[in-house]
Amino acid sequence: MISYRPFYNTLYKKGVTEYALIYKFGIPSNTIHRMKHGKPITTTTLDTLCGILECRVEDILEYIPPEDV
């Protein structure tokens, strides 16, 4: 299972809001919605978020093995 929990920690550390991602950086609100609900996003979106937040992929998502869910 993919978890976006690190994404929200990174947003907090960087002082960036979801509002800024949508209205300043042009991230579709549907993408934020998908992440909130644990749905998949594209690697292009991951690349864009890493660029905006100046972070690594591990700062946006983590893999949780099925036995740990």
N, C-alpha and C. Protein backbone atom coordinates (compact mmCIF):
# COMPACT_ATOMS: atom_id res chain seq x y z
N MET A 1 0.84 -1.17 0.00
CA MET A 1 0.00 0.00 0.00
C MET A 1 0.89 1.24 0.00
N ILE A 2 0.51 2.22 -0.79
CA ILE A 2 1.23 3.49 -0.83
C ILE A 2 0.53 4.48 0.11
N SER A 3 1.30 5.13 0.94
CA SER A 3 0.77 6.14 1.86
C SER A 3 1.40 7.49 1.52
N TYR A 4 0.59 8.53 1.54
CA TYR A 4 1.07 9.88 1.29
C TYR A 4 1.27 10.66 2.60
N ARG A 5 1.33 9.96 3.71
CA ARG A 5 1.55 10.61 5.00
C ARG A 5 2.80 11.50 5.00
N PRO A 6 3.91 11.05 4.40
CA PRO A 6 5.09 11.93 4.39
C PRO A 6 4.84 13.25 3.65
N PHE A 7 3.95 13.24 2.67
CA PHE A 7 3.64 14.44 1.90
C PHE A 7 3.12 15.54 2.82
N TYR A 8 2.22 15.20 3.70
CA TYR A 8 1.63 16.20 4.58
C TYR A 8 2.64 16.70 5.61
N ASN A 9 3.55 15.82 6.06
CA ASN A 9 4.63 16.25 6.94
C ASN A 9 5.57 17.22 6.21
N THR A 10 5.85 16.92 4.95
CA THR A 10 6.73 17.77 4.14
C THR A 10 6.08 19.13 3.89
N LEU A 11 4.79 19.13 3.57
CA LEU A 11 4.08 20.41 3.39
C LEU A 11 4.23 21.27 4.63
N TYR A 12 4.02 20.67 5.79
CA TYR A 12 4.11 21.40 7.05
C TYR A 12 5.52 21.96 7.26
N LYS A 13 6.53 21.11 7.05
CA LYS A 13 7.92 21.54 7.25
C LYS A 13 8.32 22.66 6.30
N LYS A 14 7.81 22.61 5.08
CA LYS A 14 8.17 23.61 4.07
C LYS A 14 7.28 24.85 4.15
N GLY A 15 6.23 24.79 4.94
CA GLY A 15 5.33 25.93 5.06
C GLY A 15 4.49 26.17 3.82
N VAL A 16 4.16 25.09 3.12
CA VAL A 16 3.35 25.20 1.90
C VAL A 16 1.97 24.61 2.19
N THR A 17 0.94 25.30 1.74
CA THR A 17 -0.42 24.82 1.95
C THR A 17 -0.95 24.14 0.70
N GLU A 18 -2.00 23.36 0.88
CA GLU A 18 -2.68 22.77 -0.28
C GLU A 18 -3.20 23.88 -1.19
N TYR A 19 -3.68 24.95 -0.60
CA TYR A 19 -4.19 26.09 -1.37
C TYR A 19 -3.10 26.63 -2.30
N ALA A 20 -1.88 26.79 -1.77
CA ALA A 20 -0.76 27.28 -2.59
C ALA A 20 -0.43 26.30 -3.70
N LEU A 21 -0.44 25.00 -3.41
CA LEU A 21 -0.17 24.02 -4.46
C LEU A 21 -1.16 24.16 -5.61
N ILE A 22 -2.42 24.37 -5.26
CA ILE A 22 -3.46 24.46 -6.28
C ILE A 22 -3.41 25.79 -7.02
N TYR A 23 -3.41 26.89 -6.29
CA TYR A 23 -3.58 28.20 -6.91
C TYR A 23 -2.28 28.91 -7.30
N LYS A 24 -1.19 28.60 -6.63
CA LYS A 24 0.09 29.22 -6.99
C LYS A 24 0.89 28.35 -7.95
N PHE A 25 0.87 27.03 -7.71
CA PHE A 25 1.71 26.13 -8.50
C PHE A 25 0.94 25.34 -9.55
N GLY A 26 -0.38 25.42 -9.55
CA GLY A 26 -1.17 24.79 -10.60
C GLY A 26 -1.39 23.29 -10.46
N ILE A 27 -1.22 22.75 -9.27
CA ILE A 27 -1.51 21.33 -9.05
C ILE A 27 -3.04 21.18 -9.03
N PRO A 28 -3.59 20.28 -9.85
CA PRO A 28 -5.05 20.12 -9.87
C PRO A 28 -5.59 19.70 -8.49
N SER A 29 -6.71 20.28 -8.11
CA SER A 29 -7.32 19.94 -6.82
C SER A 29 -7.68 18.46 -6.77
N ASN A 30 -7.99 17.87 -7.93
CA ASN A 30 -8.29 16.45 -7.99
C ASN A 30 -7.08 15.61 -7.54
N THR A 31 -5.89 16.07 -7.85
CA THR A 31 -4.68 15.36 -7.44
C THR A 31 -4.56 15.35 -5.92
N ILE A 32 -4.80 16.49 -5.29
CA ILE A 32 -4.75 16.57 -3.83
C ILE A 32 -5.82 15.66 -3.24
N HIS A 33 -7.00 15.67 -3.84
CA HIS A 33 -8.10 14.80 -3.38
C HIS A 33 -7.69 13.33 -3.47
N ARG A 34 -7.07 12.95 -4.59
CA ARG A 34 -6.64 11.57 -4.78
C ARG A 34 -5.62 11.17 -3.71
N MET A 35 -4.71 12.05 -3.41
CA MET A 35 -3.69 11.76 -2.41
C MET A 35 -4.31 11.62 -1.02
N LYS A 36 -5.26 12.47 -0.70
CA LYS A 36 -5.93 12.39 0.60
C LYS A 36 -6.62 11.05 0.79
N HIS A 37 -7.08 10.47 -0.31
CA HIS A 37 -7.82 9.22 -0.25
C HIS A 37 -6.98 8.00 -0.65
N GLY A 38 -5.65 8.18 -0.71
CA GLY A 38 -4.75 7.07 -0.97
C GLY A 38 -4.84 6.50 -2.37
N LYS A 39 -5.28 7.30 -3.32
CA LYS A 39 -5.40 6.85 -4.71
C LYS A 39 -4.08 7.11 -5.44
N PRO A 40 -3.84 6.39 -6.54
CA PRO A 40 -2.57 6.57 -7.26
C PRO A 40 -2.47 7.92 -7.97
N ILE A 41 -1.24 8.41 -8.09
CA ILE A 41 -0.94 9.59 -8.88
C ILE A 41 0.20 9.22 -9.83
N THR A 42 0.44 10.03 -10.84
CA THR A 42 1.46 9.70 -11.84
C THR A 42 2.86 10.05 -11.35
N THR A 43 3.84 9.45 -11.98
CA THR A 43 5.23 9.78 -11.66
C THR A 43 5.54 11.21 -12.12
N THR A 44 4.85 11.69 -13.12
CA THR A 44 5.02 13.08 -13.55
C THR A 44 4.57 14.02 -12.43
N THR A 45 3.47 13.70 -11.79
CA THR A 45 2.98 14.50 -10.67
C THR A 45 3.97 14.43 -9.51
N LEU A 46 4.49 13.25 -9.23
CA LEU A 46 5.51 13.12 -8.17
C LEU A 46 6.72 14.00 -8.47
N ASP A 47 7.16 13.98 -9.72
CA ASP A 47 8.30 14.79 -10.13
C ASP A 47 8.00 16.28 -9.92
N THR A 48 6.80 16.70 -10.31
CA THR A 48 6.40 18.10 -10.14
C THR A 48 6.37 18.49 -8.67
N LEU A 49 5.78 17.65 -7.83
CA LEU A 49 5.71 17.94 -6.40
C LEU A 49 7.10 18.01 -5.78
N CYS A 50 7.98 17.09 -6.18
CA CYS A 50 9.36 17.12 -5.68
C CYS A 50 10.05 18.43 -6.07
N GLY A 51 9.79 18.88 -7.28
CA GLY A 51 10.38 20.15 -7.72
C GLY A 51 9.85 21.33 -6.94
N ILE A 52 8.56 21.38 -6.74
CA ILE A 52 7.94 22.47 -5.99
C ILE A 52 8.42 22.49 -4.55
N LEU A 53 8.44 21.33 -3.92
CA LEU A 53 8.78 21.24 -2.50
C LEU A 53 10.28 21.07 -2.25
N GLU A 54 11.05 20.94 -3.34
CA GLU A 54 12.49 20.72 -3.24
C GLU A 54 12.79 19.58 -2.28
N CYS A 55 12.23 18.42 -2.61
CA CYS A 55 12.37 17.26 -1.73
C CYS A 55 12.57 16.00 -2.56
N ARG A 56 12.71 14.89 -1.88
CA ARG A 56 12.87 13.59 -2.51
C ARG A 56 11.53 12.87 -2.54
N VAL A 57 11.43 11.84 -3.36
CA VAL A 57 10.19 11.05 -3.46
C VAL A 57 9.79 10.50 -2.10
N GLU A 58 10.77 10.09 -1.30
CA GLU A 58 10.49 9.53 0.03
C GLU A 58 9.82 10.56 0.95
N ASP A 59 9.95 11.84 0.60
CA ASP A 59 9.32 12.88 1.40
C ASP A 59 7.85 13.09 1.00
N ILE A 60 7.41 12.35 -0.01
CA ILE A 60 6.03 12.47 -0.49
C ILE A 60 5.23 11.20 -0.26
N LEU A 61 5.87 10.05 -0.44
CA LEU A 61 5.13 8.79 -0.25
C LEU A 61 6.00 7.75 0.40
N GLU A 62 5.32 6.73 0.93
CA GLU A 62 6.02 5.59 1.51
C GLU A 62 5.24 4.32 1.17
N TYR A 63 5.97 3.23 1.10
CA TYR A 63 5.34 1.94 0.86
C TYR A 63 5.13 1.25 2.20
N ILE A 64 3.92 0.80 2.43
CA ILE A 64 3.60 0.04 3.63
C ILE A 64 3.23 -1.37 3.21
N PRO A 65 4.01 -2.37 3.61
CA PRO A 65 3.70 -3.76 3.22
C PRO A 65 2.30 -4.16 3.70
N PRO A 66 1.63 -5.05 2.95
CA PRO A 66 0.25 -5.46 3.31
C PRO A 66 0.13 -6.00 4.73
N GLU A 67 1.14 -6.70 5.21
CA GLU A 67 1.04 -7.27 6.56
C GLU A 67 1.10 -6.20 7.65
N ASP A 68 1.52 -4.97 7.29
CA ASP A 68 1.59 -3.88 8.26
C ASP A 68 0.35 -2.98 8.24
N VAL A 69 -0.56 -3.24 7.33
CA VAL A 69 -1.74 -2.37 7.19
C VAL A 69 -2.76 -2.67 8.25
